[in-house]
Amino acid sequence: MTRCVDWIMTFPPDLCSEPSISSLTQLVCEVKTVQKIKHFIWQALSNCVPVCNRLADRHSHPSRTCPRCGLEEETINHLLFECPLASQTWSLVQLPLCLGEFPSTSIYSNFDLILNCLHKRNGSGEDAEDWRQAQIIPEAMEENATINIPAIVDVPSRRPFFMFDASWKDDNAQYGGGLVIENEDGSTMFGSYASNRVLSPLHAEFCTLLWAMKSSLILGHDSMAFESDCLQLVKLIEEEEEWPITNQNLINSINFF
């Protein structure tokens, strides 16, 4: 046993060829984020993410190909950085990631670049201050440029907003209607009613609209906006050439108000 320990203690250090990730794991610990994200980054650096490449090595998956792009073998680096969908996502990140350098074929290089950028941005040392100044200078130049101030548009006061809907069933002797009113002050009112059966769902929607208009007049509103999910009713009101007989009755009823 003593010989084994002596052999281990005298093992030449230069024979160890695996890269050390201790500096990267140290940066992961310093990242200002939730613990589960730190744990996932540590798993990725330790080659512990179950991608197709690793699952196929263990005879747990029939294919090594990336299920998203279908172009290359799915490794951890491909999943996080090289896949086209991953590249599109990284292009939206507000970090100084240079094309040609990122993404790299090495997952360690990619994480080293990202973690160092985050460390500089979120740190408190000279590097962090230099990084902040580099981001502020272009903005200061833009502020000194000529600014076109848009003209002030007179926005009319908000009107009451009425949302209404009807319920109609073929085997029911009655139909129902309901509305939600949003007043100018932001308050909300609700209402509902029921009446004898009408010929069709369109008639029910139309009668509910008339009831909502009557209710708005009773409440003292002479200007209001109405909203309905019945596209046929909306089209009937807006396009006079559609359903000429029904449309004329509808227009006459509305003009009554």
Protein backbone atom coordinates (compact mmCIF):
# COMPACT_ATOMS: atom_id res chain seq x y z
CA MET A 1 0.00 0.00 0.00
CA THR A 2 2.89 2.30 0.81
CA ARG A 3 4.39 1.71 -2.63
CA CYS A 4 1.14 2.71 -4.33
CA VAL A 5 0.96 5.95 -2.38
CA ASP A 6 4.59 6.73 -3.15
CA TRP A 7 3.99 6.10 -6.86
CA ILE A 8 0.98 8.43 -6.90
CA MET A 9 2.87 11.15 -5.07
CA THR A 10 5.75 10.98 -7.57
CA PHE A 11 3.56 10.75 -10.70
CA PRO A 12 4.93 13.24 -13.27
CA PRO A 13 2.46 16.20 -13.56
CA ASP A 14 3.32 16.85 -17.20
CA LEU A 15 1.67 13.56 -18.23
CA CYS A 16 -1.78 14.98 -17.42
CA SER A 17 -3.15 16.09 -20.83
CA GLU A 18 -6.74 17.09 -19.88
CA PRO A 19 -7.48 20.85 -19.80
CA SER A 20 -8.03 22.41 -16.40
CA ILE A 21 -11.39 24.14 -15.98
CA SER A 22 -10.71 25.48 -12.51
CA SER A 23 -10.45 29.07 -13.76
CA LEU A 24 -13.74 28.71 -15.63
CA THR A 25 -15.53 27.17 -12.67
CA GLN A 26 -14.27 30.06 -10.55
CA LEU A 27 -15.85 32.51 -13.02
CA VAL A 28 -19.08 30.51 -12.92
CA CYS A 29 -19.22 30.91 -9.14
CA GLU A 30 -18.82 34.69 -9.52
CA VAL A 31 -21.58 35.12 -12.14
CA LYS A 32 -24.55 37.04 -10.77
CA THR A 33 -27.35 34.64 -11.61
CA VAL A 34 -29.51 31.95 -10.02
CA GLN A 35 -27.96 28.76 -8.72
CA LYS A 36 -29.59 26.43 -11.26
CA ILE A 37 -27.98 28.32 -14.17
CA LYS A 38 -24.58 28.09 -12.49
CA HIS A 39 -25.16 24.36 -12.02
CA PHE A 40 -26.07 23.92 -15.71
CA ILE A 41 -22.93 25.77 -16.85
CA TRP A 42 -20.86 23.56 -14.56
CA GLN A 43 -22.53 20.47 -16.08
CA ALA A 44 -21.76 21.73 -19.61
CA LEU A 45 -18.12 22.36 -18.73
CA SER A 46 -17.91 18.92 -17.12
CA ASN A 47 -19.42 17.22 -20.21
CA CYS A 48 -22.45 16.06 -18.21
CA VAL A 49 -25.30 17.28 -20.45
CA PRO A 50 -27.26 14.37 -22.07
CA VAL A 51 -26.95 15.37 -25.73
CA CYS A 52 -27.43 12.91 -28.60
CA ASN A 53 -23.69 12.37 -29.00
CA ARG A 54 -23.26 11.18 -25.42
CA LEU A 55 -26.52 9.20 -25.37
CA ALA A 56 -25.49 7.33 -28.54
CA ASP A 57 -22.17 6.41 -26.91
CA ARG A 58 -24.19 4.76 -24.15
CA HIS A 59 -26.57 3.05 -26.63
CA SER A 60 -29.46 5.14 -25.26
CA HIS A 61 -30.27 7.05 -28.46
CA PRO A 62 -30.47 5.87 -32.08
CA SER A 63 -28.93 8.96 -33.69
CA ARG A 64 -26.15 11.45 -33.04
CA THR A 65 -27.65 14.13 -35.31
CA CYS A 66 -28.98 17.38 -33.84
CA PRO A 67 -32.80 17.10 -33.69
CA ARG A 68 -33.21 20.84 -34.31
CA CYS A 69 -31.06 21.61 -37.35
CA GLY A 70 -30.43 18.05 -38.54
CA LEU A 71 -27.09 19.15 -39.99
CA GLU A 72 -24.39 18.11 -37.55
CA GLU A 73 -23.71 15.83 -34.65
CA GLU A 74 -25.24 17.14 -31.45
CA THR A 75 -22.46 17.83 -28.98
CA ILE A 76 -22.77 20.12 -25.97
CA ASN A 77 -20.91 22.84 -27.85
CA HIS A 78 -23.20 22.44 -30.87
CA LEU A 79 -26.30 22.53 -28.68
CA LEU A 80 -25.31 25.72 -26.88
CA PHE A 81 -23.30 27.64 -29.49
CA GLU A 82 -22.94 26.20 -33.00
CA CYS A 83 -26.52 25.18 -33.87
CA PRO A 84 -28.17 27.80 -36.13
CA LEU A 85 -30.94 28.33 -33.59
CA ALA A 86 -28.36 28.87 -30.84
CA SER A 87 -26.44 31.32 -33.06
CA GLN A 88 -29.62 33.33 -33.65
CA THR A 89 -30.20 33.50 -29.91
CA TRP A 90 -26.64 34.65 -29.17
CA SER A 91 -26.96 37.39 -31.79
CA LEU A 92 -29.62 39.01 -29.57
CA VAL A 93 -27.38 39.07 -26.49
CA GLN A 94 -25.97 42.50 -25.65
CA LEU A 95 -22.39 41.37 -25.17
CA PRO A 96 -19.31 42.26 -27.29
CA LEU A 97 -19.12 38.88 -29.07
CA CYS A 98 -16.96 39.22 -32.18
CA LEU A 99 -17.78 37.29 -35.33
CA GLY A 100 -14.97 34.93 -36.23
CA GLU A 101 -14.05 34.43 -32.59
CA PHE A 102 -17.47 33.37 -31.39
CA PRO A 103 -18.78 30.74 -31.59
CA SER A 104 -15.66 28.60 -31.48
CA THR A 105 -15.35 24.85 -31.96
CA SER A 106 -14.13 24.68 -28.34
CA ILE A 107 -16.76 24.86 -25.64
CA TYR A 108 -14.09 26.07 -23.21
CA SER A 109 -13.19 29.02 -25.45
CA ASN A 110 -16.85 29.95 -25.83
CA PHE A 111 -17.55 29.86 -22.10
CA ASP A 112 -14.28 31.68 -21.38
CA LEU A 113 -15.32 34.56 -23.65
CA ILE A 114 -18.87 34.79 -22.26
CA LEU A 115 -17.93 34.45 -18.60
CA ASN A 116 -15.18 37.05 -18.89
CA CYS A 117 -17.56 39.48 -20.61
CA LEU A 118 -20.08 38.99 -17.82
CA HIS A 119 -17.36 39.38 -15.20
CA LYS A 120 -16.20 42.68 -16.72
CA ARG A 121 -19.73 44.01 -17.08
CA ASN A 122 -20.89 43.10 -13.59
CA GLY A 123 -17.61 43.57 -11.72
CA SER A 124 -16.36 46.55 -9.74
CA GLY A 125 -12.68 46.79 -10.76
CA GLU A 126 -10.85 48.76 -13.45
CA ASP A 127 -11.80 46.27 -16.15
CA ALA A 128 -15.47 46.70 -15.30
CA GLU A 129 -15.18 50.50 -15.45
CA ASP A 130 -13.38 50.32 -18.80
CA TRP A 131 -16.11 48.09 -20.14
CA ARG A 132 -18.82 50.52 -18.98
CA GLN A 133 -17.03 53.48 -20.53
CA ALA A 134 -16.77 51.60 -23.82
CA GLN A 135 -20.52 51.19 -23.80
CA ILE A 136 -21.28 54.79 -22.78
CA ILE A 137 -19.11 56.65 -25.31
CA PRO A 138 -21.19 55.72 -28.41
CA GLU A 139 -24.35 56.73 -26.57
CA ALA A 140 -22.83 60.13 -25.65
CA MET A 141 -21.95 60.73 -29.29
CA GLU A 142 -25.52 59.99 -30.29
CA GLU A 143 -26.83 62.43 -27.68
CA ASN A 144 -24.66 65.23 -29.09
CA ALA A 145 -26.03 64.66 -32.57
CA THR A 146 -29.02 66.53 -33.92
CA ILE A 147 -32.23 65.18 -32.46
CA ASN A 148 -35.47 65.50 -34.38
CA ILE A 149 -38.21 66.06 -31.83
CA PRO A 150 -41.54 64.78 -33.14
CA ALA A 151 -44.46 67.14 -33.17
CA ILE A 152 -46.84 66.87 -30.26
CA VAL A 153 -50.01 65.11 -31.31
CA ASP A 154 -53.25 66.13 -29.66
CA VAL A 155 -54.65 62.85 -28.37
CA PRO A 156 -58.40 62.95 -27.82
CA SER A 157 -59.75 62.02 -24.42
CA ARG A 158 -60.54 58.38 -23.87
CA ARG A 159 -64.08 57.26 -24.54
CA PRO A 160 -65.99 54.56 -22.66
CA PHE A 161 -65.21 51.15 -24.12
CA PHE A 162 -67.95 48.51 -24.44
CA MET A 163 -67.17 44.83 -25.06
CA PHE A 164 -70.26 42.68 -25.68
CA ASP A 165 -71.06 39.09 -26.62
CA ALA A 166 -74.13 36.88 -27.06
CA SER A 167 -74.95 33.25 -26.28
CA TRP A 168 -77.38 31.38 -28.56
CA LYS A 169 -78.30 27.68 -28.68
CA ASP A 170 -80.49 25.92 -31.22
CA ASP A 171 -82.41 23.94 -28.57
CA ASN A 172 -82.85 26.79 -26.09
CA ALA A 173 -85.97 28.96 -25.86
CA GLN A 174 -83.92 31.98 -24.77
CA TYR A 175 -80.62 33.65 -25.58
CA GLY A 176 -78.36 35.73 -23.38
CA GLY A 177 -76.01 38.67 -23.70
CA GLY A 178 -73.32 40.28 -21.62
CA LEU A 179 -71.09 43.34 -21.66
CA VAL A 180 -68.04 44.78 -19.95
CA ILE A 181 -67.70 48.57 -19.70
CA GLU A 182 -64.39 50.34 -19.21
CA ASN A 183 -65.02 53.95 -18.16
CA GLU A 184 -62.80 56.99 -18.73
CA ASP A 185 -61.43 56.78 -15.19
CA GLY A 186 -60.34 53.15 -15.65
CA SER A 187 -63.18 51.63 -13.61
CA THR A 188 -64.97 48.54 -14.93
CA MET A 189 -68.66 47.62 -14.97
CA PHE A 190 -70.36 44.37 -15.94
CA GLY A 191 -73.86 43.59 -17.18
CA SER A 192 -75.94 40.73 -18.57
CA TYR A 193 -79.46 40.06 -19.79
CA ALA A 194 -81.67 37.33 -21.29
CA SER A 195 -84.50 37.46 -23.80
CA ASN A 196 -86.77 35.24 -25.89
CA ARG A 197 -85.18 33.16 -28.61
CA VAL A 198 -84.28 34.80 -31.94
CA LEU A 199 -83.71 33.24 -35.35
CA SER A 200 -79.91 32.88 -35.43
CA PRO A 201 -76.67 33.65 -33.56
CA LEU A 202 -76.24 36.74 -35.78
CA HIS A 203 -79.60 38.07 -34.62
CA ALA A 204 -78.57 37.43 -31.02
CA GLU A 205 -75.33 39.37 -31.51
CA PHE A 206 -77.22 42.24 -33.14
CA CYS A 207 -79.85 42.39 -30.38
CA THR A 208 -77.07 42.36 -27.78
CA LEU A 209 -75.42 45.30 -29.56
CA LEU A 210 -78.70 47.25 -29.44
CA TRP A 211 -79.06 46.43 -25.74
CA ALA A 212 -75.49 47.62 -25.10
CA MET A 213 -76.20 50.87 -26.94
CA LYS A 214 -79.37 51.44 -24.91
CA SER A 215 -77.47 50.74 -21.72
CA SER A 216 -74.78 53.26 -22.65
CA LEU A 217 -77.40 55.95 -23.21
CA ILE A 218 -79.03 55.16 -19.87
CA LEU A 219 -75.63 55.58 -18.22
CA GLY A 220 -75.27 59.01 -19.83
CA HIS A 221 -72.65 58.18 -22.48
CA ASP A 222 -73.25 59.87 -25.82
CA SER A 223 -69.89 58.80 -27.31
CA MET A 224 -68.51 55.29 -26.91
CA ALA A 225 -66.62 52.48 -28.66
CA PHE A 226 -67.96 48.94 -29.06
CA GLU A 227 -66.04 45.70 -29.55
CA SER A 228 -67.42 42.34 -30.68
CA ASP A 229 -65.91 38.95 -31.56
CA CYS A 230 -68.62 38.38 -34.20
CA LEU A 231 -66.84 39.15 -37.48
CA GLN A 232 -70.02 38.66 -39.47
CA LEU A 233 -71.76 41.42 -37.49
CA VAL A 234 -68.79 43.76 -37.91
CA LYS A 235 -68.67 43.10 -41.64
CA LEU A 236 -72.41 43.61 -41.89
CA ILE A 237 -72.12 47.06 -40.32
CA GLU A 238 -69.01 48.21 -42.19
CA GLU A 239 -69.85 46.90 -45.68
CA GLU A 240 -73.25 48.04 -46.87
CA GLU A 241 -73.29 45.80 -49.95
CA GLU A 242 -73.36 42.68 -47.76
CA TRP A 243 -76.81 41.29 -46.87
CA PRO A 244 -78.67 44.39 -48.18
CA ILE A 245 -82.04 43.70 -46.53
CA THR A 246 -80.65 42.73 -43.14
CA ASN A 247 -78.08 45.51 -43.35
CA GLN A 248 -80.76 48.14 -44.00
CA ASN A 249 -82.74 46.98 -40.96
CA LEU A 250 -79.56 47.10 -38.89
CA ILE A 251 -78.63 50.62 -40.06
CA ASN A 252 -82.15 51.86 -39.38
CA SER A 253 -82.05 50.42 -35.88
CA ILE A 254 -78.69 52.05 -35.17
CA ASN A 255 -79.79 55.40 -36.59
CA PHE A 256 -82.68 55.27 -34.12
CA PHE A 257 -80.14 55.99 -31.40
